Structure formats: C-alpha cells, structure tokens
N, C-alpha and C. Protein backbone atom coordinates (compact mmCIF):
# COMPACT_ATOMS: atom_id res chain seq x y z
N MET A 1 0.84 -1.17 0.00
CA MET A 1 0.00 0.00 0.00
C MET A 1 0.88 1.23 0.00
N GLY A 2 0.55 2.20 -0.84
CA GLY A 2 1.33 3.43 -0.93
C GLY A 2 1.10 4.34 0.26
N GLN A 3 1.97 5.30 0.40
CA GLN A 3 1.87 6.24 1.52
C GLN A 3 1.11 7.49 1.11
N ILE A 4 0.58 8.16 2.11
CA ILE A 4 -0.15 9.41 1.90
C ILE A 4 0.61 10.50 2.62
N LEU A 5 1.01 11.53 1.88
CA LEU A 5 1.74 12.62 2.50
C LEU A 5 1.20 13.97 2.09
N TYR A 6 1.31 14.88 3.03
CA TYR A 6 0.95 16.28 2.82
C TYR A 6 2.27 17.01 2.71
N GLU A 7 2.62 17.40 1.49
CA GLU A 7 3.87 18.12 1.27
C GLU A 7 3.54 19.48 0.69
N THR A 8 4.04 20.52 1.36
CA THR A 8 3.70 21.87 0.95
C THR A 8 4.75 22.86 1.44
N ALA A 9 4.69 24.05 0.89
CA ALA A 9 5.49 25.17 1.38
C ALA A 9 4.61 26.00 2.30
N THR A 10 5.23 26.58 3.30
CA THR A 10 4.48 27.39 4.26
C THR A 10 5.32 28.58 4.69
N SER A 11 4.64 29.62 5.13
CA SER A 11 5.34 30.77 5.72
C SER A 11 5.76 30.41 7.14
N LEU A 12 6.64 31.21 7.73
CA LEU A 12 7.07 31.00 9.11
C LEU A 12 5.89 30.93 10.07
N ASP A 13 4.85 31.71 9.79
CA ASP A 13 3.71 31.76 10.70
C ASP A 13 2.57 30.84 10.27
N GLY A 14 2.86 29.88 9.37
CA GLY A 14 1.92 28.81 9.11
C GLY A 14 0.82 29.08 8.10
N TYR A 15 1.14 29.83 7.05
CA TYR A 15 0.15 30.08 6.00
C TYR A 15 0.64 29.55 4.66
N LEU A 16 -0.30 29.00 3.88
CA LEU A 16 0.00 28.47 2.55
C LEU A 16 -0.09 29.54 1.48
N ALA A 17 -1.00 30.44 1.64
CA ALA A 17 -1.23 31.54 0.69
C ALA A 17 -1.57 32.78 1.50
N ASP A 18 -1.40 33.95 0.91
CA ASP A 18 -1.73 35.17 1.64
C ASP A 18 -3.23 35.44 1.60
N GLN A 19 -3.65 36.55 2.15
CA GLN A 19 -5.08 36.85 2.26
C GLN A 19 -5.76 37.03 0.90
N HIS A 20 -4.98 37.20 -0.16
CA HIS A 20 -5.53 37.33 -1.51
C HIS A 20 -5.42 36.01 -2.28
N ASN A 21 -5.12 34.93 -1.56
CA ASN A 21 -4.94 33.59 -2.15
C ASN A 21 -3.79 33.56 -3.14
N SER A 22 -2.77 34.37 -2.89
CA SER A 22 -1.62 34.48 -3.78
C SER A 22 -0.42 33.74 -3.20
N LEU A 23 0.40 33.19 -4.11
CA LEU A 23 1.67 32.56 -3.73
C LEU A 23 2.86 33.38 -4.22
N ALA A 24 2.62 34.62 -4.62
CA ALA A 24 3.71 35.47 -5.11
C ALA A 24 4.83 35.59 -4.07
N TRP A 25 4.47 35.65 -2.79
CA TRP A 25 5.45 35.72 -1.71
C TRP A 25 6.40 34.53 -1.74
N LEU A 26 5.86 33.35 -2.07
CA LEU A 26 6.66 32.13 -2.09
C LEU A 26 7.65 32.14 -3.25
N PHE A 27 7.17 32.55 -4.42
CA PHE A 27 8.01 32.55 -5.61
C PHE A 27 9.11 33.61 -5.55
N ALA A 28 8.97 34.56 -4.62
CA ALA A 28 9.99 35.60 -4.46
C ALA A 28 11.16 35.16 -3.57
N VAL A 29 11.03 34.01 -2.89
CA VAL A 29 12.10 33.54 -2.00
C VAL A 29 13.23 32.96 -2.84
N PRO A 30 14.47 33.44 -2.68
CA PRO A 30 15.59 32.90 -3.44
C PRO A 30 15.76 31.40 -3.19
N GLY A 31 16.05 30.67 -4.26
CA GLY A 31 16.30 29.23 -4.13
C GLY A 31 15.07 28.36 -4.19
N GLY A 32 13.91 28.96 -4.41
CA GLY A 32 12.67 28.20 -4.44
C GLY A 32 12.58 27.22 -5.59
N ASP A 33 13.46 27.37 -6.57
CA ASP A 33 13.44 26.45 -7.72
C ASP A 33 14.42 25.29 -7.55
N ASP A 34 15.00 25.13 -6.37
CA ASP A 34 15.92 24.03 -6.10
C ASP A 34 15.17 22.71 -6.28
N PRO A 35 15.71 21.76 -7.06
CA PRO A 35 15.01 20.50 -7.31
C PRO A 35 14.69 19.70 -6.05
N ARG A 36 15.43 19.93 -4.98
CA ARG A 36 15.14 19.21 -3.72
C ARG A 36 13.84 19.68 -3.08
N LEU A 37 13.30 20.80 -3.55
CA LEU A 37 12.02 21.31 -3.06
C LEU A 37 10.87 20.91 -3.97
N ALA A 38 11.16 20.17 -5.03
CA ALA A 38 10.12 19.77 -5.98
C ALA A 38 9.11 18.87 -5.29
N PRO A 39 7.86 18.91 -5.73
CA PRO A 39 6.85 18.04 -5.13
C PRO A 39 7.16 16.57 -5.37
N PRO A 40 6.57 15.70 -4.56
CA PRO A 40 6.84 14.27 -4.71
C PRO A 40 6.29 13.73 -6.03
N ARG A 41 6.91 12.69 -6.51
CA ARG A 41 6.40 12.00 -7.71
C ARG A 41 5.25 11.12 -7.24
N ALA A 42 4.04 11.58 -7.48
CA ALA A 42 2.86 10.92 -6.94
C ALA A 42 2.08 10.20 -8.02
N ALA A 43 1.41 9.14 -7.62
CA ALA A 43 0.48 8.45 -8.51
C ALA A 43 -0.87 9.17 -8.52
N VAL A 44 -1.22 9.72 -7.35
CA VAL A 44 -2.48 10.46 -7.20
C VAL A 44 -2.17 11.73 -6.41
N GLN A 45 -2.68 12.85 -6.90
CA GLN A 45 -2.60 14.08 -6.13
C GLN A 45 -4.02 14.49 -5.75
N VAL A 46 -4.18 14.92 -4.51
CA VAL A 46 -5.50 15.24 -3.98
C VAL A 46 -5.49 16.70 -3.56
N MET A 47 -6.56 17.41 -3.92
CA MET A 47 -6.63 18.82 -3.55
C MET A 47 -8.07 19.24 -3.37
N GLY A 48 -8.23 20.36 -2.68
CA GLY A 48 -9.54 20.97 -2.54
C GLY A 48 -9.83 21.85 -3.75
N SER A 49 -11.04 22.36 -3.81
CA SER A 49 -11.45 23.13 -4.99
C SER A 49 -10.70 24.45 -5.14
N THR A 50 -10.36 25.11 -4.03
CA THR A 50 -9.61 26.38 -4.13
C THR A 50 -8.23 26.13 -4.71
N THR A 51 -7.55 25.09 -4.23
CA THR A 51 -6.23 24.75 -4.77
C THR A 51 -6.33 24.36 -6.23
N TYR A 52 -7.33 23.57 -6.58
CA TYR A 52 -7.52 23.14 -7.96
C TYR A 52 -7.72 24.35 -8.88
N GLN A 53 -8.56 25.28 -8.48
CA GLN A 53 -8.79 26.46 -9.32
C GLN A 53 -7.54 27.31 -9.43
N TRP A 54 -6.74 27.39 -8.37
CA TRP A 54 -5.49 28.14 -8.44
C TRP A 54 -4.56 27.48 -9.46
N VAL A 55 -4.44 26.15 -9.41
CA VAL A 55 -3.57 25.43 -10.34
C VAL A 55 -4.05 25.63 -11.77
N LEU A 56 -5.35 25.52 -12.00
CA LEU A 56 -5.91 25.75 -13.35
C LEU A 56 -5.51 27.13 -13.86
N ASN A 57 -5.69 28.14 -13.03
CA ASN A 57 -5.37 29.52 -13.44
C ASN A 57 -3.88 29.71 -13.66
N GLU A 58 -3.07 29.16 -12.73
CA GLU A 58 -1.62 29.31 -12.82
C GLU A 58 -1.07 28.68 -14.11
N LEU A 59 -1.59 27.52 -14.46
CA LEU A 59 -1.14 26.83 -15.67
C LEU A 59 -1.76 27.40 -16.95
N GLY A 60 -2.85 28.14 -16.79
CA GLY A 60 -3.61 28.55 -17.98
C GLY A 60 -4.19 27.34 -18.67
N ALA A 61 -4.57 26.34 -17.89
CA ALA A 61 -4.93 25.02 -18.42
C ALA A 61 -6.25 25.00 -19.17
N LEU A 62 -7.11 25.96 -18.93
CA LEU A 62 -8.37 25.97 -19.67
C LEU A 62 -8.21 26.63 -21.04
N GLU A 63 -7.19 27.47 -21.16
CA GLU A 63 -6.92 28.12 -22.45
C GLU A 63 -5.96 27.29 -23.31
N ASN A 64 -5.00 26.66 -22.68
CA ASN A 64 -3.99 25.86 -23.38
C ASN A 64 -4.22 24.40 -23.05
N MET A 65 -4.73 23.65 -24.00
CA MET A 65 -5.14 22.27 -23.77
C MET A 65 -3.98 21.35 -23.39
N ASP A 66 -2.76 21.71 -23.71
CA ASP A 66 -1.62 20.86 -23.39
C ASP A 66 -0.97 21.20 -22.06
N ALA A 67 -1.36 22.31 -21.43
CA ALA A 67 -0.68 22.80 -20.23
C ALA A 67 -0.75 21.80 -19.08
N TRP A 68 -1.91 21.24 -18.83
CA TRP A 68 -2.06 20.31 -17.72
C TRP A 68 -1.23 19.05 -17.94
N GLY A 69 -1.37 18.47 -19.12
CA GLY A 69 -0.62 17.24 -19.43
C GLY A 69 0.88 17.44 -19.40
N ASN A 70 1.35 18.60 -19.82
CA ASN A 70 2.79 18.88 -19.77
C ASN A 70 3.28 19.05 -18.33
N ALA A 71 2.46 19.65 -17.49
CA ALA A 71 2.86 19.91 -16.11
C ALA A 71 2.71 18.68 -15.22
N MET A 72 1.71 17.86 -15.51
CA MET A 72 1.41 16.73 -14.62
C MET A 72 1.08 15.47 -15.42
N PRO A 73 2.04 14.96 -16.17
CA PRO A 73 1.76 13.75 -16.94
C PRO A 73 1.60 12.53 -16.02
N ASP A 74 0.71 11.66 -16.40
CA ASP A 74 0.54 10.38 -15.69
C ASP A 74 0.16 10.51 -14.23
N VAL A 75 -0.52 11.58 -13.87
CA VAL A 75 -0.96 11.76 -12.49
C VAL A 75 -2.48 11.86 -12.47
N VAL A 76 -3.09 11.07 -11.62
CA VAL A 76 -4.53 11.19 -11.39
C VAL A 76 -4.73 12.30 -10.37
N THR A 77 -5.60 13.25 -10.68
CA THR A 77 -5.91 14.33 -9.76
C THR A 77 -7.32 14.13 -9.23
N VAL A 78 -7.43 14.11 -7.91
CA VAL A 78 -8.73 13.98 -7.25
C VAL A 78 -9.00 15.31 -6.54
N VAL A 79 -10.14 15.89 -6.85
CA VAL A 79 -10.53 17.17 -6.26
C VAL A 79 -11.74 16.93 -5.35
N PHE A 80 -11.59 17.30 -4.08
CA PHE A 80 -12.71 17.22 -3.15
C PHE A 80 -13.50 18.51 -3.26
N THR A 81 -14.75 18.38 -3.70
CA THR A 81 -15.60 19.55 -3.89
C THR A 81 -17.05 19.11 -3.96
N SER A 82 -17.94 20.04 -3.70
CA SER A 82 -19.36 19.80 -3.91
C SER A 82 -19.86 20.62 -5.10
N ARG A 83 -18.95 21.32 -5.76
CA ARG A 83 -19.30 22.16 -6.91
C ARG A 83 -18.91 21.48 -8.21
N GLN A 84 -19.52 21.92 -9.29
CA GLN A 84 -19.10 21.47 -10.62
C GLN A 84 -18.00 22.42 -11.09
N LEU A 85 -16.86 21.83 -11.45
CA LEU A 85 -15.71 22.62 -11.88
C LEU A 85 -15.26 22.15 -13.25
N PRO A 86 -14.61 23.04 -14.02
CA PRO A 86 -14.13 22.65 -15.35
C PRO A 86 -12.96 21.68 -15.27
N VAL A 87 -12.78 20.92 -16.34
CA VAL A 87 -11.66 19.99 -16.45
C VAL A 87 -10.90 20.33 -17.72
N PRO A 88 -9.59 20.56 -17.62
CA PRO A 88 -8.81 20.86 -18.82
C PRO A 88 -8.67 19.61 -19.69
N GLY A 89 -8.39 19.84 -20.97
CA GLY A 89 -8.17 18.73 -21.88
C GLY A 89 -6.95 17.93 -21.47
N HIS A 90 -6.95 16.66 -21.79
CA HIS A 90 -5.82 15.76 -21.53
C HIS A 90 -5.50 15.64 -20.04
N ALA A 91 -6.51 15.77 -19.19
CA ALA A 91 -6.29 15.68 -17.74
C ALA A 91 -7.15 14.56 -17.17
N ASP A 92 -6.56 13.79 -16.28
CA ASP A 92 -7.30 12.76 -15.55
C ASP A 92 -7.69 13.35 -14.21
N VAL A 93 -8.80 14.09 -14.21
CA VAL A 93 -9.30 14.75 -13.01
C VAL A 93 -10.60 14.09 -12.61
N ARG A 94 -10.68 13.72 -11.33
CA ARG A 94 -11.88 13.09 -10.80
C ARG A 94 -12.34 13.90 -9.60
N PHE A 95 -13.64 13.95 -9.42
CA PHE A 95 -14.22 14.73 -8.33
C PHE A 95 -14.82 13.80 -7.28
N MET A 96 -14.59 14.14 -6.02
CA MET A 96 -15.18 13.41 -4.90
C MET A 96 -15.75 14.44 -3.94
N SER A 97 -16.74 14.02 -3.20
CA SER A 97 -17.29 14.87 -2.15
C SER A 97 -17.55 14.01 -0.94
N GLY A 98 -17.82 14.66 0.17
CA GLY A 98 -18.11 13.92 1.38
C GLY A 98 -16.89 13.71 2.24
N ASP A 99 -16.99 12.71 3.10
CA ASP A 99 -16.00 12.44 4.12
C ASP A 99 -14.74 11.79 3.53
N VAL A 100 -13.57 12.29 3.91
CA VAL A 100 -12.30 11.74 3.43
C VAL A 100 -12.15 10.28 3.83
N SER A 101 -12.58 9.92 5.04
CA SER A 101 -12.42 8.52 5.48
C SER A 101 -13.16 7.56 4.56
N ALA A 102 -14.30 7.97 4.03
CA ALA A 102 -15.05 7.12 3.11
C ALA A 102 -14.34 7.01 1.75
N ALA A 103 -13.57 8.04 1.39
CA ALA A 103 -12.88 8.07 0.10
C ALA A 103 -11.52 7.36 0.13
N LEU A 104 -10.98 7.12 1.31
CA LEU A 104 -9.64 6.54 1.42
C LEU A 104 -9.47 5.22 0.65
N PRO A 105 -10.39 4.27 0.74
CA PRO A 105 -10.20 3.02 -0.02
C PRO A 105 -10.09 3.26 -1.53
N LYS A 106 -10.90 4.15 -2.08
CA LYS A 106 -10.84 4.45 -3.51
C LYS A 106 -9.53 5.13 -3.87
N LEU A 107 -9.07 6.06 -3.03
CA LEU A 107 -7.80 6.74 -3.29
C LEU A 107 -6.65 5.75 -3.27
N ARG A 108 -6.65 4.84 -2.30
CA ARG A 108 -5.59 3.83 -2.23
C ARG A 108 -5.63 2.90 -3.44
N GLU A 109 -6.82 2.58 -3.90
CA GLU A 109 -6.96 1.74 -5.10
C GLU A 109 -6.39 2.46 -6.32
N LEU A 110 -6.70 3.73 -6.46
CA LEU A 110 -6.18 4.52 -7.58
C LEU A 110 -4.65 4.60 -7.57
N ALA A 111 -4.07 4.72 -6.37
CA ALA A 111 -2.62 4.91 -6.25
C ALA A 111 -1.84 3.60 -6.29
N GLY A 112 -2.48 2.49 -5.96
CA GLY A 112 -1.73 1.23 -5.88
C GLY A 112 -0.62 1.35 -4.85
N ASP A 113 0.61 1.07 -5.26
CA ASP A 113 1.76 1.21 -4.37
C ASP A 113 2.40 2.59 -4.44
N GLY A 114 1.80 3.49 -5.23
CA GLY A 114 2.36 4.82 -5.40
C GLY A 114 1.95 5.78 -4.29
N ILE A 115 2.56 6.94 -4.31
CA ILE A 115 2.31 7.99 -3.32
C ILE A 115 1.00 8.71 -3.63
N ILE A 116 0.25 8.99 -2.57
CA ILE A 116 -0.89 9.90 -2.65
C ILE A 116 -0.42 11.21 -2.02
N TRP A 117 -0.38 12.25 -2.83
CA TRP A 117 0.10 13.56 -2.38
C TRP A 117 -1.09 14.46 -2.10
N VAL A 118 -1.29 14.81 -0.85
CA VAL A 118 -2.30 15.79 -0.47
C VAL A 118 -1.66 17.15 -0.71
N VAL A 119 -2.10 17.81 -1.78
CA VAL A 119 -1.52 19.08 -2.20
C VAL A 119 -1.98 20.19 -1.26
N GLY A 120 -3.24 20.19 -0.93
CA GLY A 120 -3.80 21.23 -0.07
C GLY A 120 -5.25 21.45 -0.42
N GLY A 121 -5.84 22.28 0.31
CA GLY A 121 -5.36 23.13 1.36
C GLY A 121 -5.32 22.46 2.72
N GLY A 122 -5.12 23.35 3.70
CA GLY A 122 -4.95 22.91 5.07
C GLY A 122 -6.17 22.22 5.65
N GLY A 123 -7.35 22.64 5.23
CA GLY A 123 -8.58 22.00 5.71
C GLY A 123 -8.67 20.56 5.23
N LEU A 124 -8.31 20.33 3.98
CA LEU A 124 -8.33 18.97 3.44
C LEU A 124 -7.28 18.10 4.12
N ALA A 125 -6.08 18.63 4.33
CA ALA A 125 -5.04 17.87 5.02
C ALA A 125 -5.49 17.51 6.43
N SER A 126 -6.17 18.43 7.09
CA SER A 126 -6.70 18.16 8.44
C SER A 126 -7.73 17.04 8.41
N GLN A 127 -8.52 16.98 7.35
CA GLN A 127 -9.49 15.88 7.23
C GLN A 127 -8.78 14.54 7.08
N PHE A 128 -7.67 14.50 6.37
CA PHE A 128 -6.89 13.27 6.25
C PHE A 128 -6.34 12.84 7.61
N ILE A 129 -5.90 13.80 8.42
CA ILE A 129 -5.41 13.48 9.75
C ILE A 129 -6.55 12.95 10.61
N ALA A 130 -7.70 13.60 10.56
CA ALA A 130 -8.86 13.16 11.34
C ALA A 130 -9.28 11.75 10.95
N ALA A 131 -9.10 11.40 9.68
CA ALA A 131 -9.45 10.06 9.18
C ALA A 131 -8.33 9.05 9.43
N GLN A 132 -7.25 9.48 10.09
CA GLN A 132 -6.06 8.66 10.35
C GLN A 132 -5.48 8.09 9.06
N GLY A 133 -5.51 8.90 8.01
CA GLY A 133 -5.02 8.46 6.71
C GLY A 133 -3.71 9.10 6.29
N LEU A 134 -3.25 10.11 6.98
CA LEU A 134 -2.03 10.81 6.57
C LEU A 134 -0.83 10.20 7.26
N ASP A 135 0.19 9.82 6.46
CA ASP A 135 1.39 9.20 7.01
C ASP A 135 2.46 10.22 7.38
N GLU A 136 2.66 11.23 6.54
CA GLU A 136 3.72 12.21 6.79
C GLU A 136 3.29 13.60 6.37
N ILE A 137 3.88 14.58 7.06
CA ILE A 137 3.76 15.99 6.70
C ILE A 137 5.17 16.46 6.37
N VAL A 138 5.35 17.00 5.16
CA VAL A 138 6.66 17.51 4.74
C VAL A 138 6.48 19.00 4.43
N LEU A 139 7.20 19.83 5.18
CA LEU A 139 7.05 21.28 5.06
C LEU A 139 8.34 21.92 4.57
N SER A 140 8.20 22.81 3.61
CA SER A 140 9.30 23.69 3.22
C SER A 140 8.95 25.06 3.76
N VAL A 141 9.61 25.43 4.85
CA VAL A 141 9.28 26.67 5.56
C VAL A 141 10.09 27.82 4.97
N ALA A 142 9.37 28.82 4.48
CA ALA A 142 10.00 29.98 3.86
C ALA A 142 10.19 31.09 4.88
N PRO A 143 11.24 31.91 4.73
CA PRO A 143 11.50 33.00 5.67
C PRO A 143 10.61 34.21 5.39
N VAL A 144 9.31 34.00 5.53
CA VAL A 144 8.32 35.03 5.27
C VAL A 144 7.24 34.91 6.34
N ALA A 145 6.76 36.04 6.86
CA ALA A 145 5.61 36.05 7.77
C ALA A 145 4.46 36.75 7.06
N LEU A 146 3.33 36.09 6.93
CA LEU A 146 2.20 36.65 6.19
C LEU A 146 1.14 37.28 7.09
N ILE A 147 1.07 36.89 8.33
CA ILE A 147 0.15 37.39 9.33
C ILE A 147 -1.28 36.87 9.14
N GLU A 148 -1.72 36.69 7.91
CA GLU A 148 -3.04 36.12 7.66
C GLU A 148 -3.05 35.45 6.30
N GLY A 149 -4.06 34.62 6.08
CA GLY A 149 -4.16 33.91 4.81
C GLY A 149 -4.75 32.53 4.99
N ALA A 150 -4.39 31.62 4.09
CA ALA A 150 -4.87 30.23 4.13
C ALA A 150 -3.97 29.43 5.07
N PRO A 151 -4.52 28.87 6.16
CA PRO A 151 -3.68 28.21 7.16
C PRO A 151 -3.14 26.86 6.69
N LEU A 152 -1.99 26.50 7.24
CA LEU A 152 -1.34 25.22 6.97
C LEU A 152 -2.24 24.06 7.36
N LEU A 153 -2.88 24.14 8.50
CA LEU A 153 -3.85 23.15 9.00
C LEU A 153 -4.95 23.92 9.71
N ASP A 154 -6.11 23.29 9.84
CA ASP A 154 -7.18 23.99 10.55
C ASP A 154 -7.64 23.23 11.79
N GLN A 155 -6.76 22.40 12.33
CA GLN A 155 -7.05 21.74 13.60
C GLN A 155 -5.79 21.73 14.46
N ARG A 156 -5.99 21.61 15.74
CA ARG A 156 -4.87 21.56 16.67
C ARG A 156 -4.29 20.15 16.67
N ILE A 157 -2.96 20.05 16.64
CA ILE A 157 -2.27 18.77 16.71
C ILE A 157 -1.18 18.90 17.76
N GLU A 158 -1.20 18.02 18.74
CA GLU A 158 -0.22 18.06 19.82
C GLU A 158 1.08 17.37 19.39
N SER A 159 2.15 17.65 20.12
CA SER A 159 3.48 17.15 19.75
C SER A 159 3.59 15.62 19.82
N ASP A 160 2.73 14.96 20.60
CA ASP A 160 2.79 13.50 20.67
C ASP A 160 2.26 12.84 19.40
N ARG A 161 1.66 13.63 18.52
CA ARG A 161 1.12 13.10 17.25
C ARG A 161 2.12 13.20 16.10
N LEU A 162 3.19 13.98 16.27
CA LEU A 162 4.16 14.21 15.20
C LEU A 162 5.57 13.87 15.68
N THR A 163 6.30 13.14 14.85
CA THR A 163 7.69 12.81 15.14
C THR A 163 8.56 13.37 14.03
N LEU A 164 9.50 14.24 14.37
CA LEU A 164 10.42 14.79 13.38
C LEU A 164 11.39 13.70 12.94
N VAL A 165 11.42 13.42 11.63
CA VAL A 165 12.30 12.38 11.11
C VAL A 165 13.39 12.94 10.20
N GLU A 166 13.27 14.21 9.81
CA GLU A 166 14.30 14.81 8.98
C GLU A 166 14.17 16.33 9.01
N ALA A 167 15.31 17.02 9.05
CA ALA A 167 15.35 18.47 8.95
C ALA A 167 16.58 18.84 8.13
N GLN A 168 16.39 19.70 7.12
CA GLN A 168 17.53 20.13 6.33
C GLN A 168 17.32 21.53 5.81
N GLN A 169 18.42 22.22 5.59
CA GLN A 169 18.38 23.54 4.98
C GLN A 169 18.53 23.37 3.48
N ILE A 170 17.62 24.00 2.73
CA ILE A 170 17.72 24.04 1.27
C ILE A 170 17.58 25.51 0.88
N GLY A 171 18.70 26.14 0.57
CA GLY A 171 18.68 27.57 0.29
C GLY A 171 18.15 28.32 1.50
N GLN A 172 17.14 29.12 1.31
CA GLN A 172 16.54 29.89 2.39
C GLN A 172 15.40 29.14 3.08
N PHE A 173 15.16 27.90 2.68
CA PHE A 173 14.06 27.11 3.23
C PHE A 173 14.57 26.13 4.29
N ALA A 174 13.74 25.88 5.28
CA ALA A 174 13.96 24.77 6.23
C ALA A 174 12.97 23.68 5.81
N ARG A 175 13.48 22.53 5.40
CA ARG A 175 12.61 21.42 4.98
C ARG A 175 12.49 20.46 6.14
N LEU A 176 11.28 20.27 6.61
CA LEU A 176 11.00 19.46 7.79
C LEU A 176 10.07 18.31 7.42
N ARG A 177 10.40 17.13 7.86
CA ARG A 177 9.56 15.96 7.60
C ARG A 177 9.13 15.37 8.94
N TYR A 178 7.82 15.24 9.11
CA TYR A 178 7.24 14.68 10.32
C TYR A 178 6.43 13.44 9.99
N ARG A 179 6.58 12.40 10.80
CA ARG A 179 5.71 11.24 10.70
C ARG A 179 4.51 11.52 11.59
N VAL A 180 3.32 11.22 11.10
CA VAL A 180 2.09 11.41 11.87
C VAL A 180 1.80 10.12 12.63
N ARG A 181 1.57 10.27 13.93
CA ARG A 181 1.29 9.11 14.78
C ARG A 181 -0.18 9.14 15.20
N TYR A 182 -0.77 7.96 15.29
CA TYR A 182 -2.17 7.85 15.69
C TYR A 182 -2.28 6.98 16.93
N PRO A 183 -3.11 7.37 17.88
CA PRO A 183 -3.26 6.58 19.10
C PRO A 183 -3.66 5.14 18.78
N GLY A 184 -2.98 4.21 19.43
CA GLY A 184 -3.32 2.80 19.26
C GLY A 184 -2.72 2.13 18.05
N HIS A 185 -1.95 2.86 17.24
CA HIS A 185 -1.32 2.27 16.06
C HIS A 185 0.16 2.06 16.32
N ASP A 186 0.65 0.86 16.08
CA ASP A 186 2.09 0.62 16.14
C ASP A 186 2.68 1.10 14.83
N GLN A 187 3.63 2.04 14.92
CA GLN A 187 4.25 2.57 13.70
C GLN A 187 5.75 2.42 13.79
N GLU A 188 6.34 2.22 12.64
CA GLU A 188 7.79 2.10 12.56
C GLU A 188 8.45 3.38 12.98
N GLU A 189 9.65 3.28 13.51
CA GLU A 189 10.40 4.47 13.89
C GLU A 189 11.04 5.14 12.69
N GLU A 190 11.19 4.39 11.60
CA GLU A 190 11.82 4.97 10.41
C GLU A 190 10.79 5.74 9.59
N SER A 191 11.25 6.72 8.84
CA SER A 191 10.39 7.49 7.97
C SER A 191 9.79 6.59 6.90
N LEU A 192 8.53 6.83 6.59
CA LEU A 192 7.86 6.06 5.55
C LEU A 192 8.38 6.39 4.16
N CYS A 193 8.99 7.56 4.00
CA CYS A 193 9.45 8.00 2.68
C CYS A 193 10.89 7.61 2.41
N ASP A 194 11.58 6.98 3.34
CA ASP A 194 12.99 6.62 3.12
C ASP A 194 13.11 5.51 2.10
C-alpha cells in the first residue's frame, strides 16, 4: 500500500497563501526552484477546490489544452468539492465529495503502491489526519511572515502526534519531515518515505 503525505510550502507563521490567495510571496524567495524542493512523484494528487482552481489559473490550463498534461503527466488528480468545476483537456481529473475517510479506499486503489500527495489546502489535510489516513507531513518553511491567509492546517495537533524524522536547509528554506502518529497504532520508527 502506498503512503499518503501532505507536502507543501508554508510561511514561518503557518500560511500556505496570503489573504488574496496568492503565492507570489513564495516565488519571491531565493532558491525556491531548487530541485530538492520539488513536489513528490505521486500516482495520485489530492486537492480541494480552491487549490484546484489556483492550479488551473496558474497553468492557464483551460486556455492551453496541453498545459495540464505537460505539467502533470501520468498523475490522477482527485478534487474534493461539492461544486461542478471545469476539467482541462488531456487531464485525468476526478471529483469526490463527502468524508475523506469514506474516500480513502478508492484513493488507495487509484494509487496502488504509489504515493498519494495531499496538495492542499490545510482544511483537506486536516481531514486526512482526522481520518487517520495521513502518514507524513513535509514542510518547506520559507522565511516570510504573512500574518493572515490560508492556514497550513485547521485543527490543533499536539506534539505526541508528530515525530520529526528529517530536517535540512535548502537555500533559504527549512525542509521538515514529520511522521504522523495515531493513538493505538504501532508505527515504525523509520520514515515512511525513506
């Protein structure tokens, strides 16, 4: 069974995007294009509707039919939403709604032994934690304070639930990898992504 990880960039004060839903602050950080900060090679990427619409706009995927396929070849994208949203050409985009715990078996089936990457947002990642489905959180912390915006997570998590398994400096970023622990589950001490 493949692993499920939430890998994202965040500001020092725990925001994914600013109050205008912009990531311009992130792209301004020197060294952000370092390949070690690249997203994981996933079989399935999962996102909420706000993240999905941001990606569509950023790629210009509705205007350029090849943009999605060029950016994300061979990746199944699952969008959690209750709305009807457009799908770019040459994209394997599937929509789900409802409880994440009910969707986990289908997501695992889609991914096989591959990685399921929870792209965001923080509310969706929190739902994966509540469903005890998230294996790791990998953060690239940027030296920026936003004060407000889209939060990294929308639930409280105590330190006994997270185990730091890796920390490294990549340019101006601190890359942190945490294993998520669940009460009553025996988990390996080694990182699932090693």
